[in-house]
Amino acid sequence: MVKARLKLHLKGAFCLIGTIACAIISYMFIKAGFNEVHFDRGLKNFGTFTFGGLSLTFGLGFLICFLGYLHVLLAPWRMQRMVKKIRSENRANL
């Protein structure tokens, strides 16, 4: 059985790789879409913008997932910092 910490790191790595991959793919599709725009005749192929937008949406989803991973990863550190702050305030009040 895989340990919970390793699962967490694998999830974070997957989300980061997914974010980067979707960013690259959406950049390529949207750039290709702008290259196909003919302002006198409209769009030559609207599908490139559609795929670029979908990839950008998935990339934002992966980014939110990665931010959730960082939130869980840094939770013990934030808790420890808060406990130290409360203890120092209690010492000052004595």
PDB file of N, CA and C in Angstrom:
ATOM      1  N   MET A   1       0.845  -1.188   0.000  1.00  0.00           N
ATOM      2  CA  MET A   1       0.000   0.000   0.000  1.00  0.00           C
ATOM      3  C   MET A   1       0.887   1.248   0.000  1.00  0.00           C
ATOM      4  N   VAL A   2       0.496   2.194  -0.791  1.00  0.00           N
ATOM      5  CA  VAL A   2       1.271   3.423  -0.919  1.00  0.00           C
ATOM      6  C   VAL A   2       0.977   4.323   0.273  1.00  0.00           C
ATOM      7  N   LYS A   3       2.034   4.892   0.822  1.00  0.00           N
ATOM      8  CA  LYS A   3       1.849   5.774   1.977  1.00  0.00           C
ATOM      9  C   LYS A   3       1.106   7.046   1.568  1.00  0.00           C
ATOM     10  N   ALA A   4       0.438   7.645   2.523  1.00  0.00           N
ATOM     11  CA  ALA A   4      -0.385   8.829   2.240  1.00  0.00           C
ATOM     12  C   ALA A   4       0.473  10.006   1.777  1.00  0.00           C
ATOM     13  N   ARG A   5       1.653  10.158   2.368  1.00  0.00           N
ATOM     14  CA  ARG A   5       2.520  11.283   1.986  1.00  0.00           C
ATOM     15  C   ARG A   5       2.997  11.137   0.543  1.00  0.00           C
ATOM     16  N   LEU A   6       3.343   9.900   0.160  1.00  0.00           N
ATOM     17  CA  LEU A   6       3.775   9.654  -1.214  1.00  0.00           C
ATOM     18  C   LEU A   6       2.628   9.902  -2.188  1.00  0.00           C
ATOM     19  N   LYS A   7       1.414   9.491  -1.814  1.00  0.00           N
ATOM     20  CA  LYS A   7       0.238   9.764  -2.643  1.00  0.00           C
ATOM     21  C   LYS A   7       0.054  11.268  -2.841  1.00  0.00           C
ATOM     22  N   LEU A   8       0.250  12.014  -1.762  1.00  0.00           N
ATOM     23  CA  LEU A   8       0.098  13.466  -1.835  1.00  0.00           C
ATOM     24  C   LEU A   8       1.114  14.067  -2.801  1.00  0.00           C
ATOM     25  N   HIS A   9       2.372  13.614  -2.710  1.00  0.00           N
ATOM     26  CA  HIS A   9       3.408  14.148  -3.599  1.00  0.00           C
ATOM     27  C   HIS A   9       3.168  13.734  -5.055  1.00  0.00           C
ATOM     28  N   LEU A  10       2.680  12.523  -5.268  1.00  0.00           N
ATOM     29  CA  LEU A  10       2.360  12.099  -6.629  1.00  0.00           C
ATOM     30  C   LEU A  10       1.227  12.941  -7.213  1.00  0.00           C
ATOM     31  N   LYS A  11       0.232  13.244  -6.390  1.00  0.00           N
ATOM     32  CA  LYS A  11      -0.872  14.097  -6.838  1.00  0.00           C
ATOM     33  C   LYS A  11      -0.351  15.489  -7.200  1.00  0.00           C
ATOM     34  N   GLY A  12       0.522  16.032  -6.369  1.00  0.00           N
ATOM     35  CA  GLY A  12       1.089  17.345  -6.649  1.00  0.00           C
ATOM     36  C   GLY A  12       1.910  17.357  -7.923  1.00  0.00           C
ATOM     37  N   ALA A  13       2.715  16.309  -8.134  1.00  0.00           N
ATOM     38  CA  ALA A  13       3.526  16.231  -9.351  1.00  0.00           C
ATOM     39  C   ALA A  13       2.632  16.104 -10.581  1.00  0.00           C
ATOM     40  N   PHE A  14       1.595  15.285 -10.483  1.00  0.00           N
ATOM     41  CA  PHE A  14       0.654  15.124 -11.593  1.00  0.00           C
ATOM     42  C   PHE A  14      -0.019  16.450 -11.932  1.00  0.00           C
ATOM     43  N   CYS A  15      -0.431  17.182 -10.916  1.00  0.00           N
ATOM     44  CA  CYS A  15      -1.110  18.466 -11.147  1.00  0.00           C
ATOM     45  C   CYS A  15      -0.161  19.488 -11.767  1.00  0.00           C
ATOM     46  N   LEU A  16       1.088  19.516 -11.305  1.00  0.00           N
ATOM     47  CA  LEU A  16       2.052  20.467 -11.859  1.00  0.00           C
ATOM     48  C   LEU A  16       2.372  20.130 -13.311  1.00  0.00           C
ATOM     49  N   ILE A  17       2.586  18.853 -13.605  1.00  0.00           N
ATOM     50  CA  ILE A  17       2.868  18.437 -14.984  1.00  0.00           C
ATOM     51  C   ILE A  17       1.658  18.719 -15.874  1.00  0.00           C
ATOM     52  N   GLY A  18       0.459  18.451 -15.379  1.00  0.00           N
ATOM     53  CA  GLY A  18      -0.751  18.736 -16.148  1.00  0.00           C
ATOM     54  C   GLY A  18      -0.922  20.217 -16.429  1.00  0.00           C
ATOM     55  N   THR A  19      -0.601  21.051 -15.442  1.00  0.00           N
ATOM     56  CA  THR A  19      -0.697  22.501 -15.634  1.00  0.00           C
ATOM     57  C   THR A  19       0.250  22.966 -16.723  1.00  0.00           C
ATOM     58  N   ILE A  20       1.493  22.506 -16.654  1.00  0.00           N
ATOM     59  CA  ILE A  20       2.493  22.925 -17.645  1.00  0.00           C
ATOM     60  C   ILE A  20       2.128  22.412 -19.035  1.00  0.00           C
ATOM     61  N   ALA A  21       1.700  21.152 -19.121  1.00  0.00           N
ATOM     62  CA  ALA A  21       1.335  20.581 -20.422  1.00  0.00           C
ATOM     63  C   ALA A  21       0.148  21.318 -21.036  1.00  0.00           C
ATOM     64  N   CYS A  22      -0.870  21.597 -20.241  1.00  0.00           N
ATOM     65  CA  CYS A  22      -2.042  22.309 -20.765  1.00  0.00           C
ATOM     66  C   CYS A  22      -1.692  23.739 -21.163  1.00  0.00           C
ATOM     67  N   ALA A  23      -0.783  24.361 -20.429  1.00  0.00           N
ATOM     68  CA  ALA A  23      -0.367  25.718 -20.799  1.00  0.00           C
ATOM     69  C   ALA A  23       0.332  25.711 -22.154  1.00  0.00           C
ATOM     70  N   ILE A  24       1.207  24.744 -22.373  1.00  0.00           N
ATOM     71  CA  ILE A  24       1.918  24.659 -23.655  1.00  0.00           C
ATOM     72  C   ILE A  24       0.946  24.360 -24.792  1.00  0.00           C
ATOM     73  N   ILE A  25       0.051  23.400 -24.568  1.00  0.00           N
ATOM     74  CA  ILE A  25      -0.905  23.018 -25.615  1.00  0.00           C
ATOM     75  C   ILE A  25      -1.843  24.176 -25.942  1.00  0.00           C
ATOM     76  N   SER A  26      -2.356  24.851 -24.917  1.00  0.00           N
ATOM     77  CA  SER A  26      -3.278  25.960 -25.184  1.00  0.00           C
ATOM     78  C   SER A  26      -2.560  27.104 -25.885  1.00  0.00           C
ATOM     79  N   TYR A  27      -1.299  27.350 -25.515  1.00  0.00           N
ATOM     80  CA  TYR A  27      -0.526  28.397 -26.199  1.00  0.00           C
ATOM     81  C   TYR A  27      -0.380  28.060 -27.680  1.00  0.00           C
ATOM     82  N   MET A  28      -0.060  26.802 -27.985  1.00  0.00           N
ATOM     83  CA  MET A  28       0.128  26.415 -29.392  1.00  0.00           C
ATOM     84  C   MET A  28      -1.168  26.545 -30.178  1.00  0.00           C
ATOM     85  N   PHE A  29      -2.293  26.067 -29.599  1.00  0.00           N
ATOM     86  CA  PHE A  29      -3.561  26.134 -30.319  1.00  0.00           C
ATOM     87  C   PHE A  29      -4.027  27.572 -30.501  1.00  0.00           C
ATOM     88  N   ILE A  30      -3.908  28.393 -29.469  1.00  0.00           N
ATOM     89  CA  ILE A  30      -4.375  29.777 -29.593  1.00  0.00           C
ATOM     90  C   ILE A  30      -3.485  30.560 -30.551  1.00  0.00           C
ATOM     91  N   LYS A  31      -2.174  30.302 -30.513  1.00  0.00           N
ATOM     92  CA  LYS A  31      -1.270  30.964 -31.457  1.00  0.00           C
ATOM     93  C   LYS A  31      -1.599  30.539 -32.886  1.00  0.00           C
ATOM     94  N   ALA A  32      -1.873  29.253 -33.082  1.00  0.00           N
ATOM     95  CA  ALA A  32      -2.257  28.775 -34.413  1.00  0.00           C
ATOM     96  C   ALA A  32      -3.578  29.406 -34.842  1.00  0.00           C
ATOM     97  N   GLY A  33      -4.490  29.597 -33.897  1.00  0.00           N
ATOM     98  CA  GLY A  33      -5.762  30.232 -34.224  1.00  0.00           C
ATOM     99  C   GLY A  33      -5.580  31.671 -34.669  1.00  0.00           C
ATOM    100  N   PHE A  34      -4.690  32.405 -34.000  1.00  0.00           N
ATOM    101  CA  PHE A  34      -4.439  33.786 -34.404  1.00  0.00           C
ATOM    102  C   PHE A  34      -3.743  33.849 -35.757  1.00  0.00           C
ATOM    103  N   ASN A  35      -2.933  32.851 -36.070  1.00  0.00           N
ATOM    104  CA  ASN A  35      -2.283  32.832 -37.378  1.00  0.00           C
ATOM    105  C   ASN A  35      -3.277  32.553 -38.497  1.00  0.00           C
ATOM    106  N   GLU A  36      -4.409  31.914 -38.175  1.00  0.00           N
ATOM    107  CA  GLU A  36      -5.407  31.575 -39.189  1.00  0.00           C
ATOM    108  C   GLU A  36      -6.485  32.643 -39.355  1.00  0.00           C
ATOM    109  N   VAL A  37      -6.424  33.712 -38.591  1.00  0.00           N
ATOM    110  CA  VAL A  37      -7.456  34.742 -38.680  1.00  0.00           C
ATOM    111  C   VAL A  37      -7.237  35.566 -39.946  1.00  0.00           C
ATOM    112  N   HIS A  38      -8.275  35.664 -40.712  1.00  0.00           N
ATOM    113  CA  HIS A  38      -8.274  36.550 -41.877  1.00  0.00           C
ATOM    114  C   HIS A  38      -9.362  37.586 -41.614  1.00  0.00           C
ATOM    115  N   PHE A  39      -8.971  38.802 -41.367  1.00  0.00           N
ATOM    116  CA  PHE A  39      -9.933  39.805 -40.921  1.00  0.00           C
ATOM    117  C   PHE A  39     -10.922  40.198 -42.011  1.00  0.00           C
ATOM    118  N   ASP A  40     -10.573  39.979 -43.258  1.00  0.00           N
ATOM    119  CA  ASP A  40     -11.522  40.315 -44.312  1.00  0.00           C
ATOM    120  C   ASP A  40     -12.565  39.212 -44.509  1.00  0.00           C
ATOM    121  N   ARG A  41     -12.224  37.954 -44.199  1.00  0.00           N
ATOM    122  CA  ARG A  41     -13.147  36.844 -44.418  1.00  0.00           C
ATOM    123  C   ARG A  41     -13.555  36.142 -43.127  1.00  0.00           C
ATOM    124  N   GLY A  42     -13.145  36.626 -41.975  1.00  0.00           N
ATOM    125  CA  GLY A  42     -13.480  35.955 -40.722  1.00  0.00           C
ATOM    126  C   GLY A  42     -12.464  34.878 -40.391  1.00  0.00           C
ATOM    127  N   LEU A  43     -12.885  33.925 -39.600  1.00  0.00           N
ATOM    128  CA  LEU A  43     -11.975  32.859 -39.172  1.00  0.00           C
ATOM    129  C   LEU A  43     -11.913  31.756 -40.220  1.00  0.00           C
ATOM    130  N   LYS A  44     -10.712  31.287 -40.465  1.00  0.00           N
ATOM    131  CA  LYS A  44     -10.536  30.165 -41.381  1.00  0.00           C
ATOM    132  C   LYS A  44     -10.912  28.853 -40.686  1.00  0.00           C
ATOM    133  N   ASN A  45     -10.458  28.697 -39.441  1.00  0.00           N
ATOM    134  CA  ASN A  45     -10.757  27.470 -38.700  1.00  0.00           C
ATOM    135  C   ASN A  45     -10.969  27.843 -37.242  1.00  0.00           C
ATOM    136  N   PHE A  46     -12.206  27.729 -36.782  1.00  0.00           N
ATOM    137  CA  PHE A  46     -12.536  28.128 -35.415  1.00  0.00           C
ATOM    138  C   PHE A  46     -12.159  27.058 -34.397  1.00  0.00           C
ATOM    139  N   GLY A  47     -11.885  25.832 -34.848  1.00  0.00           N
ATOM    140  CA  GLY A  47     -11.578  24.727 -33.947  1.00  0.00           C
ATOM    141  C   GLY A  47     -10.316  24.936 -33.137  1.00  0.00           C
ATOM    142  N   THR A  48      -9.347  25.645 -33.698  1.00  0.00           N
ATOM    143  CA  THR A  48      -8.101  25.860 -32.956  1.00  0.00           C
ATOM    144  C   THR A  48      -8.354  26.692 -31.711  1.00  0.00           C
ATOM    145  N   PHE A  49      -9.202  27.711 -31.813  1.00  0.00           N
ATOM    146  CA  PHE A  49      -9.536  28.502 -30.626  1.00  0.00           C
ATOM    147  C   PHE A  49     -10.309  27.662 -29.610  1.00  0.00           C
ATOM    148  N   THR A  50     -11.191  26.789 -30.113  1.00  0.00           N
ATOM    149  CA  THR A  50     -11.976  25.939 -29.213  1.00  0.00           C
ATOM    150  C   THR A  50     -11.070  25.005 -28.429  1.00  0.00           C
ATOM    151  N   PHE A  51     -10.155  24.319 -29.113  1.00  0.00           N
ATOM    152  CA  PHE A  51      -9.236  23.413 -28.422  1.00  0.00           C
ATOM    153  C   PHE A  51      -8.296  24.175 -27.502  1.00  0.00           C
ATOM    154  N   GLY A  52      -7.872  25.355 -27.918  1.00  0.00           N
ATOM    155  CA  GLY A  52      -7.017  26.169 -27.053  1.00  0.00           C
ATOM    156  C   GLY A  52      -7.731  26.582 -25.786  1.00  0.00           C
ATOM    157  N   GLY A  53      -8.992  26.976 -25.910  1.00  0.00           N
ATOM    158  CA  GLY A  53      -9.771  27.362 -24.733  1.00  0.00           C
ATOM    159  C   GLY A  53     -10.043  26.193 -23.811  1.00  0.00           C
ATOM    160  N   LEU A  54     -10.342  25.028 -24.388  1.00  0.00           N
ATOM    161  CA  LEU A  54     -10.559  23.834 -23.561  1.00  0.00           C
ATOM    162  C   LEU A  54      -9.287  23.455 -22.815  1.00  0.00           C
ATOM    163  N   SER A  55      -8.169  23.506 -23.515  1.00  0.00           N
ATOM    164  CA  SER A  55      -6.898  23.169 -22.876  1.00  0.00           C
ATOM    165  C   SER A  55      -6.568  24.171 -21.779  1.00  0.00           C
ATOM    166  N   LEU A  56      -6.864  25.427 -22.019  1.00  0.00           N
ATOM    167  CA  LEU A  56      -6.632  26.454 -21.003  1.00  0.00           C
ATOM    168  C   LEU A  56      -7.510  26.206 -19.777  1.00  0.00           C
ATOM    169  N   THR A  57      -8.743  25.785 -20.005  1.00  0.00           N
ATOM    170  CA  THR A  57      -9.643  25.473 -18.892  1.00  0.00           C
ATOM    171  C   THR A  57      -9.128  24.301 -18.071  1.00  0.00           C
ATOM    172  N   PHE A  58      -8.690  23.234 -18.753  1.00  0.00           N
ATOM    173  CA  PHE A  58      -8.125  22.094 -18.030  1.00  0.00           C
ATOM    174  C   PHE A  58      -6.862  22.502 -17.280  1.00  0.00           C
ATOM    175  N   GLY A  59      -6.056  23.360 -17.901  1.00  0.00           N
ATOM    176  CA  GLY A  59      -4.840  23.834 -17.242  1.00  0.00           C
ATOM    177  C   GLY A  59      -5.150  24.604 -15.970  1.00  0.00           C
ATOM    178  N   LEU A  60      -6.194  25.429 -16.003  1.00  0.00           N
ATOM    179  CA  LEU A  60      -6.587  26.154 -14.794  1.00  0.00           C
ATOM    180  C   LEU A  60      -7.093  25.196 -13.723  1.00  0.00           C
ATOM    181  N   GLY A  61      -7.783  24.139 -14.140  1.00  0.00           N
ATOM    182  CA  GLY A  61      -8.225  23.116 -13.188  1.00  0.00           C
ATOM    183  C   GLY A  61      -7.048  22.421 -12.522  1.00  0.00           C
ATOM    184  N   PHE A  62      -6.044  22.074 -13.328  1.00  0.00           N
ATOM    185  CA  PHE A  62      -4.841  21.459 -12.766  1.00  0.00           C
ATOM    186  C   PHE A  62      -4.118  22.428 -11.835  1.00  0.00           C
ATOM    187  N   LEU A  63      -4.117  23.713 -12.188  1.00  0.00           N
ATOM    188  CA  LEU A  63      -3.460  24.714 -11.342  1.00  0.00           C
ATOM    189  C   LEU A  63      -4.167  24.833  -9.998  1.00  0.00           C
ATOM    190  N   ILE A  64      -5.484  24.826 -10.004  1.00  0.00           N
ATOM    191  CA  ILE A  64      -6.243  24.865  -8.748  1.00  0.00           C
ATOM    192  C   ILE A  64      -5.948  23.614  -7.919  1.00  0.00           C
ATOM    193  N   CYS A  65      -5.846  22.473  -8.593  1.00  0.00           N
ATOM    194  CA  CYS A  65      -5.496  21.219  -7.908  1.00  0.00           C
ATOM    195  C   CYS A  65      -4.111  21.336  -7.271  1.00  0.00           C
ATOM    196  N   PHE A  66      -3.156  21.936  -7.985  1.00  0.00           N
ATOM    197  CA  PHE A  66      -1.800  22.090  -7.450  1.00  0.00           C
ATOM    198  C   PHE A  66      -1.790  23.051  -6.263  1.00  0.00           C
ATOM    199  N   LEU A  67      -2.582  24.109  -6.327  1.00  0.00           N
ATOM    200  CA  LEU A  67      -2.663  25.030  -5.190  1.00  0.00           C
ATOM    201  C   LEU A  67      -3.272  24.338  -3.971  1.00  0.00           C
ATOM    202  N   GLY A  68      -4.225  23.441  -4.194  1.00  0.00           N
ATOM    203  CA  GLY A  68      -4.769  22.639  -3.098  1.00  0.00           C
ATOM    204  C   GLY A  68      -3.717  21.731  -2.493  1.00  0.00           C
ATOM    205  N   TYR A  69      -2.864  21.159  -3.344  1.00  0.00           N
ATOM    206  CA  TYR A  69      -1.751  20.327  -2.868  1.00  0.00           C
ATOM    207  C   TYR A  69      -0.813  21.148  -1.990  1.00  0.00           C
ATOM    208  N   LEU A  70      -0.472  22.362  -2.431  1.00  0.00           N
ATOM    209  CA  LEU A  70       0.409  23.215  -1.624  1.00  0.00           C
ATOM    210  C   LEU A  70      -0.246  23.587  -0.299  1.00  0.00           C
ATOM    211  N   HIS A  71      -1.556  23.809  -0.325  1.00  0.00           N
ATOM    212  CA  HIS A  71      -2.283  24.148   0.898  1.00  0.00           C
ATOM    213  C   HIS A  71      -2.190  23.011   1.915  1.00  0.00           C
ATOM    214  N   VAL A  72      -2.367  21.777   1.454  1.00  0.00           N
ATOM    215  CA  VAL A  72      -2.281  20.612   2.342  1.00  0.00           C
ATOM    216  C   VAL A  72      -0.842  20.384   2.786  1.00  0.00           C
ATOM    217  N   LEU A  73       0.099  20.594   1.878  1.00  0.00           N
ATOM    218  CA  LEU A  73       1.507  20.355   2.191  1.00  0.00           C
ATOM    219  C   LEU A  73       2.021  21.328   3.249  1.00  0.00           C
ATOM    220  N   LEU A  74       1.570  22.570   3.193  1.00  0.00           N
ATOM    221  CA  LEU A  74       2.068  23.595   4.116  1.00  0.00           C
ATOM    222  C   LEU A  74       1.234  23.723   5.386  1.00  0.00           C
ATOM    223  N   ALA A  75       0.183  22.923   5.532  1.00  0.00           N
ATOM    224  CA  ALA A  75      -0.689  23.025   6.706  1.00  0.00           C
ATOM    225  C   ALA A  75       0.049  22.803   8.025  1.00  0.00           C
ATOM    226  N   PRO A  76       0.915  21.789   8.163  1.00  0.00           N
ATOM    227  CA  PRO A  76       1.616  21.615   9.450  1.00  0.00           C
ATOM    228  C   PRO A  76       2.506  22.807   9.800  1.00  0.00           C
ATOM    229  N   TRP A  77       3.155  23.378   8.795  1.00  0.00           N
ATOM    230  CA  TRP A  77       4.029  24.528   9.030  1.00  0.00           C
ATOM    231  C   TRP A  77       3.219  25.734   9.502  1.00  0.00           C
ATOM    232  N   ARG A  78       2.060  25.963   8.858  1.00  0.00           N
ATOM    233  CA  ARG A  78       1.214  27.091   9.264  1.00  0.00           C
ATOM    234  C   ARG A  78       0.685  26.889  10.675  1.00  0.00           C
ATOM    235  N   MET A  79       0.310  25.658  11.006  1.00  0.00           N
ATOM    236  CA  MET A  79      -0.208  25.359  12.342  1.00  0.00           C
ATOM    237  C   MET A  79       0.876  25.590  13.395  1.00  0.00           C
ATOM    238  N   GLN A  80       2.088  25.145  13.106  1.00  0.00           N
ATOM    239  CA  GLN A  80       3.196  25.315  14.045  1.00  0.00           C
ATOM    240  C   GLN A  80       3.488  26.803  14.264  1.00  0.00           C
ATOM    241  N   ARG A  81       3.445  27.577  13.202  1.00  0.00           N
ATOM    242  CA  ARG A  81       3.678  29.019  13.305  1.00  0.00           C
ATOM    243  C   ARG A  81       2.599  29.687  14.152  1.00  0.00           C
ATOM    244  N   MET A  82       1.348  29.258  13.973  1.00  0.00           N
ATOM    245  CA  MET A  82       0.248  29.832  14.736  1.00  0.00           C
ATOM    246  C   MET A  82       0.382  29.482  16.223  1.00  0.00           C
ATOM    247  N   VAL A  83       0.790  28.246  16.523  1.00  0.00           N
ATOM    248  CA  VAL A  83       0.961  27.835  17.920  1.00  0.00           C
ATOM    249  C   VAL A  83       2.065  28.654  18.579  1.00  0.00           C
ATOM    250  N   LYS A  84       3.165  28.874  17.871  1.00  0.00           N
ATOM    251  CA  LYS A  84       4.255  29.693  18.422  1.00  0.00           C
ATOM    252  C   LYS A  84       3.778  31.115  18.709  1.00  0.00           C
ATOM    253  N   LYS A  85       2.969  31.661  17.817  1.00  0.00           N
ATOM    254  CA  LYS A  85       2.452  33.019  18.000  1.00  0.00           C
ATOM    255  C   LYS A  85       1.554  33.089  19.236  1.00  0.00           C
ATOM    256  N   ILE A  86       0.679  32.097  19.402  1.00  0.00           N
ATOM    257  CA  ILE A  86      -0.221  32.080  20.562  1.00  0.00           C
ATOM    258  C   ILE A  86       0.575  31.932  21.849  1.00  0.00           C
ATOM    259  N   ARG A  87       1.590  31.071  21.852  1.00  0.00           N
ATOM    260  CA  ARG A  87       2.415  30.890  23.050  1.00  0.00           C
ATOM    261  C   ARG A  87       3.157  32.167  23.416  1.00  0.00           C
ATOM    262  N   SER A  88       3.674  32.863  22.413  1.00  0.00           N
ATOM    263  CA  SER A  88       4.395  34.107  22.712  1.00  0.00           C
ATOM    264  C   SER A  88       3.441  35.174  23.251  1.00  0.00           C
ATOM    265  N   GLU A  89       2.207  35.209  22.742  1.00  0.00           N
ATOM    266  CA  GLU A  89       1.219  36.157  23.269  1.00  0.00           C
ATOM    267  C   GLU A  89       0.850  35.812  24.704  1.00  0.00           C
ATOM    268  N   ASN A  90       0.732  34.521  25.010  1.00  0.00           N
ATOM    269  CA  ASN A  90       0.408  34.098  26.377  1.00  0.00           C
ATOM    270  C   ASN A  90       1.533  34.457  27.345  1.00  0.00           C
ATOM    271  N   ARG A  91       2.779  34.315  26.901  1.00  0.00           N
ATOM    272  CA  ARG A  91       3.910  34.692  27.756  1.00  0.00           C
ATOM    273  C   ARG A  91       3.910  36.196  28.020  1.00  0.00           C
ATOM    274  N   ALA A  92       3.547  36.963  26.996  1.00  0.00           N
ATOM    275  CA  ALA A  92       3.536  38.417  27.154  1.00  0.00           C
ATOM    276  C   ALA A  92       2.423  38.856  28.107  1.00  0.00           C
ATOM    277  N   ASN A  93       1.338  38.099  28.163  1.00  0.00           N
ATOM    278  CA  ASN A  93       0.213  38.465  29.026  1.00  0.00           C
ATOM    279  C   ASN A  93       0.447  38.101  30.489  1.00  0.00           C
ATOM    280  N   LEU A  94       1.407  37.210  30.758  1.00  0.00           N
ATOM    281  CA  LEU A  94       1.644  36.787  32.147  1.00  0.00           C
ATOM    282  C   LEU A  94       2.350  37.836  32.958  1.00  0.00           C
TER     283      LEU A  94
END
